[in-house]
Amino acid sequence: MATCRRPSRAGAKITKNKMKQATIIQHVGFEDLDGFAPALSDLGYQIETYNAADNLPPGIAETDLLIVLGGPIGAYEEATYPFLSDEVSLIKKRLADGRPLMGICLGAQLIARAAGARVFPSGVKEIGFAPIALTEAGEESCLAPFNRAPVTLHWHGDTFDLPDGATHLASSELCRNQAFSIGRHVIGFQFHPEATGRNIEHWLVGHAVELAAAGIDVTELRRQADALAPGLESKAYQVMASWLSSLEDSTDN
């Protein structure tokens, strides 16, 4: 893999925060913050990560920022994975309290479900690097860098209806609801804007059975990740920095 240079901060407003707490809920080790981590650090967030399958610490609902990451299970499978019920309850509290909340892939599906929307199998696997199309609202959001360079990583077989009151931000050829926001404090991504391609080998190994079943060319995915990595890293930084800055602006107003 090529080594990426420090991502560009062009278009991202950077204002150093006093130290705040960003709590991350992870489902599998290789689906991490990736390209979102540098912006969080630069804007003064201390990062703590917990696995959803473990007992989440008390008081987690009061953290300054909660980010729920992806994973290879369904948001509706609490009968098989009981800890999902605790995640949904936690997310419902965040939504009720109006606290900053971000979800990626499974995390976005859990937000949609907690907000009363349906989550269900889409009938197709969307895996690999492909473009998204921004709505008019999306072009004005933190996703603006994808308007100029729309390719991103997709890795899902489920989808969701938009929650009541949510703003539709992005779609793709295979999935209409790729991103949404609820007010200024909640955002969900079905795709993976955090993924830079730097750790693609972990994804290829971790999802080896799924890739084989779907007939995905692992060598081609690796090649694309290597070629796209610098641009993906830059967009990841800009997306997170822009969204965090919008949270600061809403607090100031």
C-alpha atoms as a PDB file:
ATOM      1  CA  MET A   1       0.000   0.000   0.000  1.00  0.00           C
ATOM      2  CA  ALA A   2       1.203   3.489  -0.741  1.00  0.00           C
ATOM      3  CA  THR A   3       1.888   5.718   2.229  1.00  0.00           C
ATOM      4  CA  CYS A   4      -0.541   8.637   2.310  1.00  0.00           C
ATOM      5  CA  ARG A   5       0.590  12.137   2.999  1.00  0.00           C
ATOM      6  CA  ARG A   6      -1.120  14.247   5.651  1.00  0.00           C
ATOM      7  CA  PRO A   7      -4.630  14.858   4.291  1.00  0.00           C
ATOM      8  CA  SER A   8      -5.555  18.277   2.997  1.00  0.00           C
ATOM      9  CA  ARG A   9      -7.633  20.444   5.303  1.00  0.00           C
ATOM     10  CA  ALA A  10      -8.906  22.593   2.453  1.00  0.00           C
ATOM     11  CA  GLY A  11     -12.479  23.652   3.031  1.00  0.00           C
ATOM     12  CA  ALA A  12     -12.535  22.553   6.663  1.00  0.00           C
ATOM     13  CA  LYS A  13     -12.863  25.161   9.377  1.00  0.00           C
ATOM     14  CA  ILE A  14     -10.555  24.203  12.252  1.00  0.00           C
ATOM     15  CA  THR A  15     -11.178  25.643  15.689  1.00  0.00           C
ATOM     16  CA  LYS A  16      -9.351  24.019  18.575  1.00  0.00           C
ATOM     17  CA  ASN A  17     -11.781  22.872  21.270  1.00  0.00           C
ATOM     18  CA  LYS A  18     -11.092  22.558  24.932  1.00  0.00           C
ATOM     19  CA  MET A  19     -10.631  18.845  25.566  1.00  0.00           C
ATOM     20  CA  LYS A  20     -13.858  16.946  24.948  1.00  0.00           C
ATOM     21  CA  GLN A  21     -14.751  13.258  25.077  1.00  0.00           C
ATOM     22  CA  ALA A  22     -15.517  11.268  21.909  1.00  0.00           C
ATOM     23  CA  THR A  23     -16.855   7.818  22.752  1.00  0.00           C
ATOM     24  CA  ILE A  24     -16.670   5.215  19.998  1.00  0.00           C
ATOM     25  CA  ILE A  25     -18.759   2.023  19.885  1.00  0.00           C
ATOM     26  CA  GLN A  26     -17.049  -0.591  17.740  1.00  0.00           C
ATOM     27  CA  HIS A  27     -18.356  -3.975  16.551  1.00  0.00           C
ATOM     28  CA  VAL A  28     -15.299  -5.469  14.817  1.00  0.00           C
ATOM     29  CA  GLY A  29     -11.704  -4.400  15.346  1.00  0.00           C
ATOM     30  CA  PHE A  30     -10.845  -3.491  11.757  1.00  0.00           C
ATOM     31  CA  GLU A  31     -13.851  -1.187  11.281  1.00  0.00           C
ATOM     32  CA  ASP A  32     -12.447   1.725  13.250  1.00  0.00           C
ATOM     33  CA  LEU A  33     -12.313   5.518  13.001  1.00  0.00           C
ATOM     34  CA  ASP A  34      -9.590   5.332  10.341  1.00  0.00           C
ATOM     35  CA  GLY A  35      -9.490   8.701   8.545  1.00  0.00           C
ATOM     36  CA  PHE A  36     -11.837  10.385  11.026  1.00  0.00           C
ATOM     37  CA  ALA A  37      -9.389  10.041  13.921  1.00  0.00           C
ATOM     38  CA  PRO A  38      -6.941  12.833  12.938  1.00  0.00           C
ATOM     39  CA  ALA A  39      -9.653  15.501  12.753  1.00  0.00           C
ATOM     40  CA  LEU A  40     -11.084  14.456  16.115  1.00  0.00           C
ATOM     41  CA  SER A  41      -7.635  14.720  17.654  1.00  0.00           C
ATOM     42  CA  ASP A  42      -6.863  18.048  15.975  1.00  0.00           C
ATOM     43  CA  LEU A  43     -10.122  19.544  17.224  1.00  0.00           C
ATOM     44  CA  GLY A  44      -9.372  18.575  20.813  1.00  0.00           C
ATOM     45  CA  TYR A  45     -11.310  15.352  21.348  1.00  0.00           C
ATOM     46  CA  GLN A  46     -10.039  12.606  23.610  1.00  0.00           C
ATOM     47  CA  ILE A  47     -11.064   9.285  22.062  1.00  0.00           C
ATOM     48  CA  GLU A  48     -12.247   6.251  24.009  1.00  0.00           C
ATOM     49  CA  THR A  49     -13.347   3.099  22.210  1.00  0.00           C
ATOM     50  CA  TYR A  50     -15.588   0.306  23.518  1.00  0.00           C
ATOM     51  CA  ASN A  51     -16.739  -2.921  21.894  1.00  0.00           C
ATOM     52  CA  ALA A  52     -20.519  -3.206  21.699  1.00  0.00           C
ATOM     53  CA  ALA A  53     -20.385  -6.859  22.732  1.00  0.00           C
ATOM     54  CA  ASP A  54     -18.873  -5.892  26.094  1.00  0.00           C
ATOM     55  CA  ASN A  55     -20.747  -4.175  28.888  1.00  0.00           C
ATOM     56  CA  LEU A  56     -20.789  -0.487  27.986  1.00  0.00           C
ATOM     57  CA  PRO A  57     -19.751   1.782  30.879  1.00  0.00           C
ATOM     58  CA  PRO A  58     -22.364   3.709  32.878  1.00  0.00           C
ATOM     59  CA  GLY A  59     -22.736   7.335  31.897  1.00  0.00           C
ATOM     60  CA  ILE A  60     -21.800   6.724  28.258  1.00  0.00           C
ATOM     61  CA  ALA A  61     -24.970   8.512  27.131  1.00  0.00           C
ATOM     62  CA  GLU A  62     -23.590  11.766  28.551  1.00  0.00           C
ATOM     63  CA  THR A  63     -20.355  11.772  26.539  1.00  0.00           C
ATOM     64  CA  ASP A  64     -19.726  14.896  24.444  1.00  0.00           C
ATOM     65  CA  LEU A  65     -19.820  12.936  21.183  1.00  0.00           C
ATOM     66  CA  LEU A  66     -20.964   9.381  20.440  1.00  0.00           C
ATOM     67  CA  ILE A  67     -19.921   7.590  17.239  1.00  0.00           C
ATOM     68  CA  VAL A  68     -21.375   4.147  16.441  1.00  0.00           C
ATOM     69  CA  LEU A  69     -19.327   2.248  13.856  1.00  0.00           C
ATOM     70  CA  GLY A  70     -20.114  -0.525  11.380  1.00  0.00           C
ATOM     71  CA  GLY A  71     -20.250  -4.296  11.671  1.00  0.00           C
ATOM     72  CA  PRO A  72     -21.375  -7.434   9.813  1.00  0.00           C
ATOM     73  CA  ILE A  73     -24.705  -7.947  11.610  1.00  0.00           C
ATOM     74  CA  GLY A  74     -28.211  -6.557  11.162  1.00  0.00           C
ATOM     75  CA  ALA A  75     -29.587  -3.725  13.279  1.00  0.00           C
ATOM     76  CA  TYR A  76     -32.733  -5.852  13.714  1.00  0.00           C
ATOM     77  CA  GLU A  77     -30.970  -8.996  14.990  1.00  0.00           C
ATOM     78  CA  GLU A  78     -31.255  -8.362  18.727  1.00  0.00           C
ATOM     79  CA  ALA A  79     -32.680 -11.866  19.276  1.00  0.00           C
ATOM     80  CA  THR A  80     -29.317 -13.223  18.128  1.00  0.00           C
ATOM     81  CA  TYR A  81     -27.179 -10.355  19.424  1.00  0.00           C
ATOM     82  CA  PRO A  82     -28.897  -9.031  22.588  1.00  0.00           C
ATOM     83  CA  PHE A  83     -26.432  -6.176  23.059  1.00  0.00           C
ATOM     84  CA  LEU A  84     -28.073  -4.437  20.091  1.00  0.00           C
ATOM     85  CA  SER A  85     -31.046  -3.642  22.347  1.00  0.00           C
ATOM     86  CA  ASP A  86     -28.729  -1.733  24.677  1.00  0.00           C
ATOM     87  CA  GLU A  87     -27.289   0.194  21.733  1.00  0.00           C
ATOM     88  CA  VAL A  88     -30.730   1.146  20.467  1.00  0.00           C
ATOM     89  CA  SER A  89     -31.733   2.322  23.961  1.00  0.00           C
ATOM     90  CA  LEU A  90     -28.535   4.361  24.228  1.00  0.00           C
ATOM     91  CA  ILE A  91     -29.119   5.954  20.832  1.00  0.00           C
ATOM     92  CA  LYS A  92     -32.741   6.761  21.718  1.00  0.00           C
ATOM     93  CA  LYS A  93     -31.502   8.638  24.779  1.00  0.00           C
ATOM     94  CA  ARG A  94     -28.960  10.582  22.709  1.00  0.00           C
ATOM     95  CA  LEU A  95     -31.686  11.516  20.240  1.00  0.00           C
ATOM     96  CA  ALA A  96     -34.056  12.591  23.015  1.00  0.00           C
ATOM     97  CA  ASP A  97     -31.350  14.660  24.704  1.00  0.00           C
ATOM     98  CA  GLY A  98     -30.203  16.330  21.456  1.00  0.00           C
ATOM     99  CA  ARG A  99     -26.591  15.276  21.981  1.00  0.00           C
ATOM    100  CA  PRO A 100     -24.107  14.909  19.081  1.00  0.00           C
ATOM    101  CA  LEU A 101     -24.341  11.485  17.462  1.00  0.00           C
ATOM    102  CA  MET A 102     -22.819   9.917  14.357  1.00  0.00           C
ATOM    103  CA  GLY A 103     -23.454   6.474  12.865  1.00  0.00           C
ATOM    104  CA  ILE A 104     -21.583   4.656  10.107  1.00  0.00           C
ATOM    105  CA  CYS A 105     -23.078   1.670   8.239  1.00  0.00           C
ATOM    106  CA  LEU A 106     -24.537  -0.491  11.058  1.00  0.00           C
ATOM    107  CA  GLY A 107     -24.336   2.616  13.255  1.00  0.00           C
ATOM    108  CA  ALA A 108     -26.498   4.588  10.812  1.00  0.00           C
ATOM    109  CA  GLN A 109     -28.972   1.710  10.651  1.00  0.00           C
ATOM    110  CA  LEU A 110     -29.181   1.655  14.458  1.00  0.00           C
ATOM    111  CA  ILE A 111     -29.866   5.407  14.498  1.00  0.00           C
ATOM    112  CA  ALA A 112     -32.590   4.963  11.887  1.00  0.00           C
ATOM    113  CA  ARG A 113     -34.146   2.151  13.900  1.00  0.00           C
ATOM    114  CA  ALA A 114     -33.939   4.095  17.183  1.00  0.00           C
ATOM    115  CA  ALA A 115     -35.666   6.990  15.419  1.00  0.00           C
ATOM    116  CA  GLY A 116     -38.554   4.722  14.413  1.00  0.00           C
ATOM    117  CA  ALA A 117     -37.574   3.829  10.836  1.00  0.00           C
ATOM    118  CA  ARG A 118     -37.489   0.382   9.250  1.00  0.00           C
ATOM    119  CA  VAL A 119     -34.151  -1.419   8.687  1.00  0.00           C
ATOM    120  CA  PHE A 120     -34.205  -4.384   6.325  1.00  0.00           C
ATOM    121  CA  PRO A 121     -32.172  -6.457   3.801  1.00  0.00           C
ATOM    122  CA  SER A 122     -31.838  -4.567   0.525  1.00  0.00           C
ATOM    123  CA  GLY A 123     -31.629  -7.719  -1.596  1.00  0.00           C
ATOM    124  CA  VAL A 124     -28.225  -6.785  -3.019  1.00  0.00           C
ATOM    125  CA  LYS A 125     -24.669  -6.595  -1.694  1.00  0.00           C
ATOM    126  CA  GLU A 126     -23.081  -3.202  -2.306  1.00  0.00           C
ATOM    127  CA  ILE A 127     -19.386  -3.886  -1.736  1.00  0.00           C
ATOM    128  CA  GLY A 128     -16.456  -1.948  -3.173  1.00  0.00           C
ATOM    129  CA  PHE A 129     -15.504   1.525  -4.320  1.00  0.00           C
ATOM    130  CA  ALA A 130     -18.247   3.433  -6.134  1.00  0.00           C
ATOM    131  CA  PRO A 131     -19.617   6.981  -6.271  1.00  0.00           C
ATOM    132  CA  ILE A 132     -22.366   8.588  -4.247  1.00  0.00           C
ATOM    133  CA  ALA A 133     -24.612  11.391  -5.466  1.00  0.00           C
ATOM    134  CA  LEU A 134     -25.348  14.243  -3.097  1.00  0.00           C
ATOM    135  CA  THR A 135     -28.750  15.834  -2.745  1.00  0.00           C
ATOM    136  CA  GLU A 136     -29.007  19.618  -2.675  1.00  0.00           C
ATOM    137  CA  ALA A 137     -28.883  19.445   1.124  1.00  0.00           C
ATOM    138  CA  GLY A 138     -25.922  17.084   0.913  1.00  0.00           C
ATOM    139  CA  GLU A 139     -23.974  19.574  -1.174  1.00  0.00           C
ATOM    140  CA  GLU A 140     -24.374  22.091   1.661  1.00  0.00           C
ATOM    141  CA  SER A 141     -23.395  19.558   4.332  1.00  0.00           C
ATOM    142  CA  CYS A 142     -20.111  18.140   5.601  1.00  0.00           C
ATOM    143  CA  LEU A 143     -20.261  15.748   2.613  1.00  0.00           C
ATOM    144  CA  ALA A 144     -19.469  18.572   0.169  1.00  0.00           C
ATOM    145  CA  PRO A 145     -16.006  17.113  -0.684  1.00  0.00           C
ATOM    146  CA  PHE A 146     -17.782  14.121  -2.256  1.00  0.00           C
ATOM    147  CA  ASN A 147     -19.460  16.405  -4.774  1.00  0.00           C
ATOM    148  CA  ARG A 148     -16.059  16.962  -6.404  1.00  0.00           C
ATOM    149  CA  ALA A 149     -14.750  13.413  -5.861  1.00  0.00           C
ATOM    150  CA  PRO A 150     -17.747  11.102  -5.325  1.00  0.00           C
ATOM    151  CA  VAL A 151     -16.058   7.699  -4.966  1.00  0.00           C
ATOM    152  CA  THR A 152     -16.168   6.066  -1.531  1.00  0.00           C
ATOM    153  CA  LEU A 153     -16.171   2.607   0.068  1.00  0.00           C
ATOM    154  CA  HIS A 154     -19.446   0.669   0.327  1.00  0.00           C
ATOM    155  CA  TRP A 155     -19.877  -2.520   2.333  1.00  0.00           C
ATOM    156  CA  HIS A 156     -23.443  -3.489   3.194  1.00  0.00           C
ATOM    157  CA  GLY A 157     -26.421  -5.668   2.363  1.00  0.00           C
ATOM    158  CA  ASP A 158     -29.044  -3.892   4.489  1.00  0.00           C
ATOM    159  CA  THR A 159     -30.740  -0.562   4.051  1.00  0.00           C
ATOM    160  CA  PHE A 160     -33.275   1.600   5.916  1.00  0.00           C
ATOM    161  CA  ASP A 161     -36.125   4.028   5.481  1.00  0.00           C
ATOM    162  CA  LEU A 162     -35.413   7.646   6.328  1.00  0.00           C
ATOM    163  CA  PRO A 163     -36.577   8.516   9.848  1.00  0.00           C
ATOM    164  CA  ASP A 164     -39.385  11.065  10.164  1.00  0.00           C
ATOM    165  CA  GLY A 165     -37.919  14.555  10.095  1.00  0.00           C
ATOM    166  CA  ALA A 166     -34.569  13.420   8.669  1.00  0.00           C
ATOM    167  CA  THR A 167     -32.857  15.249   5.809  1.00  0.00           C
ATOM    168  CA  HIS A 168     -31.730  13.077   2.889  1.00  0.00           C
ATOM    169  CA  LEU A 169     -28.085  13.822   2.014  1.00  0.00           C
ATOM    170  CA  ALA A 170     -26.844  11.196  -0.447  1.00  0.00           C
ATOM    171  CA  SER A 171     -27.703   8.154  -2.555  1.00  0.00           C
ATOM    172  CA  SER A 172     -25.951   5.640  -4.803  1.00  0.00           C
ATOM    173  CA  GLU A 173     -26.991   3.569  -7.801  1.00  0.00           C
ATOM    174  CA  LEU A 174     -27.822   0.570  -5.589  1.00  0.00           C
ATOM    175  CA  CYS A 175     -28.989   2.321  -2.417  1.00  0.00           C
ATOM    176  CA  ARG A 176     -31.178   5.408  -2.159  1.00  0.00           C
ATOM    177  CA  ASN A 177     -30.540   6.234   1.485  1.00  0.00           C
ATOM    178  CA  GLN A 178     -26.783   6.621   1.781  1.00  0.00           C
ATOM    179  CA  ALA A 179     -26.702   9.499   4.256  1.00  0.00           C
ATOM    180  CA  PHE A 180     -29.077  11.552   6.384  1.00  0.00           C
ATOM    181  CA  SER A 181     -29.060  14.101   9.154  1.00  0.00           C
ATOM    182  CA  ILE A 182     -31.491  14.884  11.943  1.00  0.00           C
ATOM    183  CA  GLY A 183     -31.096  18.505  12.907  1.00  0.00           C
ATOM    184  CA  ARG A 184     -27.488  19.649  13.273  1.00  0.00           C
ATOM    185  CA  HIS A 185     -26.421  17.144  15.918  1.00  0.00           C
ATOM    186  CA  VAL A 186     -27.151  13.774  14.295  1.00  0.00           C
ATOM    187  CA  ILE A 187     -25.733  12.304  11.090  1.00  0.00           C
ATOM    188  CA  GLY A 188     -25.720   8.813   9.618  1.00  0.00           C
ATOM    189  CA  PHE A 189     -23.735   7.336   6.723  1.00  0.00           C
ATOM    190  CA  GLN A 190     -24.622   4.021   5.070  1.00  0.00           C
ATOM    191  CA  PHE A 191     -21.334   4.155   3.162  1.00  0.00           C
ATOM    192  CA  HIS A 192     -17.898   4.477   4.774  1.00  0.00           C
ATOM    193  CA  PRO A 193     -16.602   8.071   4.523  1.00  0.00           C
ATOM    194  CA  GLU A 194     -14.070   7.262   7.248  1.00  0.00           C
ATOM    195  CA  ALA A 195     -12.391   4.502   5.200  1.00  0.00           C
ATOM    196  CA  THR A 196      -9.094   5.589   3.646  1.00  0.00           C
ATOM    197  CA  GLY A 197      -7.970   2.272   2.181  1.00  0.00           C
ATOM    198  CA  ARG A 198      -4.892   2.244   4.415  1.00  0.00           C
ATOM    199  CA  ASN A 199      -6.109  -0.840   6.298  1.00  0.00           C
ATOM    200  CA  ILE A 200      -7.957  -2.522   3.420  1.00  0.00           C
ATOM    201  CA  GLU A 201      -6.079  -5.777   4.037  1.00  0.00           C
ATOM    202  CA  HIS A 202      -7.833  -6.086   7.412  1.00  0.00           C
ATOM    203  CA  TRP A 203     -11.212  -5.739   5.694  1.00  0.00           C
ATOM    204  CA  LEU A 204     -10.278  -8.285   3.032  1.00  0.00           C
ATOM    205  CA  VAL A 205      -9.315 -10.854   5.658  1.00  0.00           C
ATOM    206  CA  GLY A 206     -12.128 -10.041   8.097  1.00  0.00           C
ATOM    207  CA  HIS A 207     -14.794 -10.296   5.378  1.00  0.00           C
ATOM    208  CA  ALA A 208     -13.148 -13.114   3.392  1.00  0.00           C
ATOM    209  CA  VAL A 209     -16.191 -15.424   3.566  1.00  0.00           C
ATOM    210  CA  GLU A 210     -18.604 -12.665   2.504  1.00  0.00           C
ATOM    211  CA  LEU A 211     -16.334 -11.609  -0.368  1.00  0.00           C
ATOM    212  CA  ALA A 212     -16.027 -15.153  -1.640  1.00  0.00           C
ATOM    213  CA  ALA A 213     -19.788 -15.720  -1.443  1.00  0.00           C
ATOM    214  CA  ALA A 214     -20.455 -12.482  -3.357  1.00  0.00           C
ATOM    215  CA  GLY A 215     -17.823 -13.259  -6.011  1.00  0.00           C
ATOM    216  CA  ILE A 216     -15.885 -10.056  -5.276  1.00  0.00           C
ATOM    217  CA  ASP A 217     -12.395  -9.778  -6.801  1.00  0.00           C
ATOM    218  CA  VAL A 218     -10.115  -9.245  -3.785  1.00  0.00           C
ATOM    219  CA  THR A 219      -7.122  -8.295  -5.930  1.00  0.00           C
ATOM    220  CA  GLU A 220      -9.114  -5.561  -7.671  1.00  0.00           C
ATOM    221  CA  LEU A 221     -10.405  -4.172  -4.364  1.00  0.00           C
ATOM    222  CA  ARG A 222      -6.822  -3.990  -3.098  1.00  0.00           C
ATOM    223  CA  ARG A 223      -5.668  -2.224  -6.253  1.00  0.00           C
ATOM    224  CA  GLN A 224      -8.461   0.338  -6.055  1.00  0.00           C
ATOM    225  CA  ALA A 225      -7.774   1.019  -2.380  1.00  0.00           C
ATOM    226  CA  ASP A 226      -4.117   1.695  -3.130  1.00  0.00           C
ATOM    227  CA  ALA A 227      -4.964   4.102  -5.956  1.00  0.00           C
ATOM    228  CA  LEU A 228      -7.731   5.936  -4.086  1.00  0.00           C
ATOM    229  CA  ALA A 229      -6.150   6.140  -0.626  1.00  0.00           C
ATOM    230  CA  PRO A 230      -4.748   9.718  -0.745  1.00  0.00           C
ATOM    231  CA  GLY A 231      -8.048  11.209  -1.911  1.00  0.00           C
ATOM    232  CA  LEU A 232     -10.115   9.144   0.522  1.00  0.00           C
ATOM    233  CA  GLU A 233      -7.934  10.221   3.423  1.00  0.00           C
ATOM    234  CA  SER A 234      -8.267  13.885   2.497  1.00  0.00           C
ATOM    235  CA  LYS A 235     -12.066  13.640   2.206  1.00  0.00           C
ATOM    236  CA  ALA A 236     -12.348  11.788   5.516  1.00  0.00           C
ATOM    237  CA  TYR A 237     -10.490  14.560   7.320  1.00  0.00           C
ATOM    238  CA  GLN A 238     -12.584  17.276   5.703  1.00  0.00           C
ATOM    239  CA  VAL A 239     -15.903  15.554   6.408  1.00  0.00           C
ATOM    240  CA  MET A 240     -15.203  15.057  10.107  1.00  0.00           C
ATOM    241  CA  ALA A 241     -13.632  18.489  10.615  1.00  0.00           C
ATOM    242  CA  SER A 242     -16.550  20.196   8.862  1.00  0.00           C
ATOM    243  CA  TRP A 243     -19.157  18.330  10.904  1.00  0.00           C
ATOM    244  CA  LEU A 244     -17.403  19.024  14.197  1.00  0.00           C
ATOM    245  CA  SER A 245     -17.128  22.708  13.275  1.00  0.00           C
ATOM    246  CA  SER A 246     -20.864  22.799  12.557  1.00  0.00           C
ATOM    247  CA  LEU A 247     -21.477  21.424  16.059  1.00  0.00           C
ATOM    248  CA  GLU A 248     -19.405  24.255  17.509  1.00  0.00           C
ATOM    249  CA  ASP A 249     -21.335  26.797  15.455  1.00  0.00           C
ATOM    250  CA  SER A 250     -24.671  25.430  16.700  1.00  0.00           C
ATOM    251  CA  THR A 251     -23.429  25.661  20.283  1.00  0.00           C
ATOM    252  CA  ASP A 252     -22.295  29.243  19.789  1.00  0.00           C
ATOM    253  CA  ASN A 253     -25.652  30.324  18.290  1.00  0.00           C
END
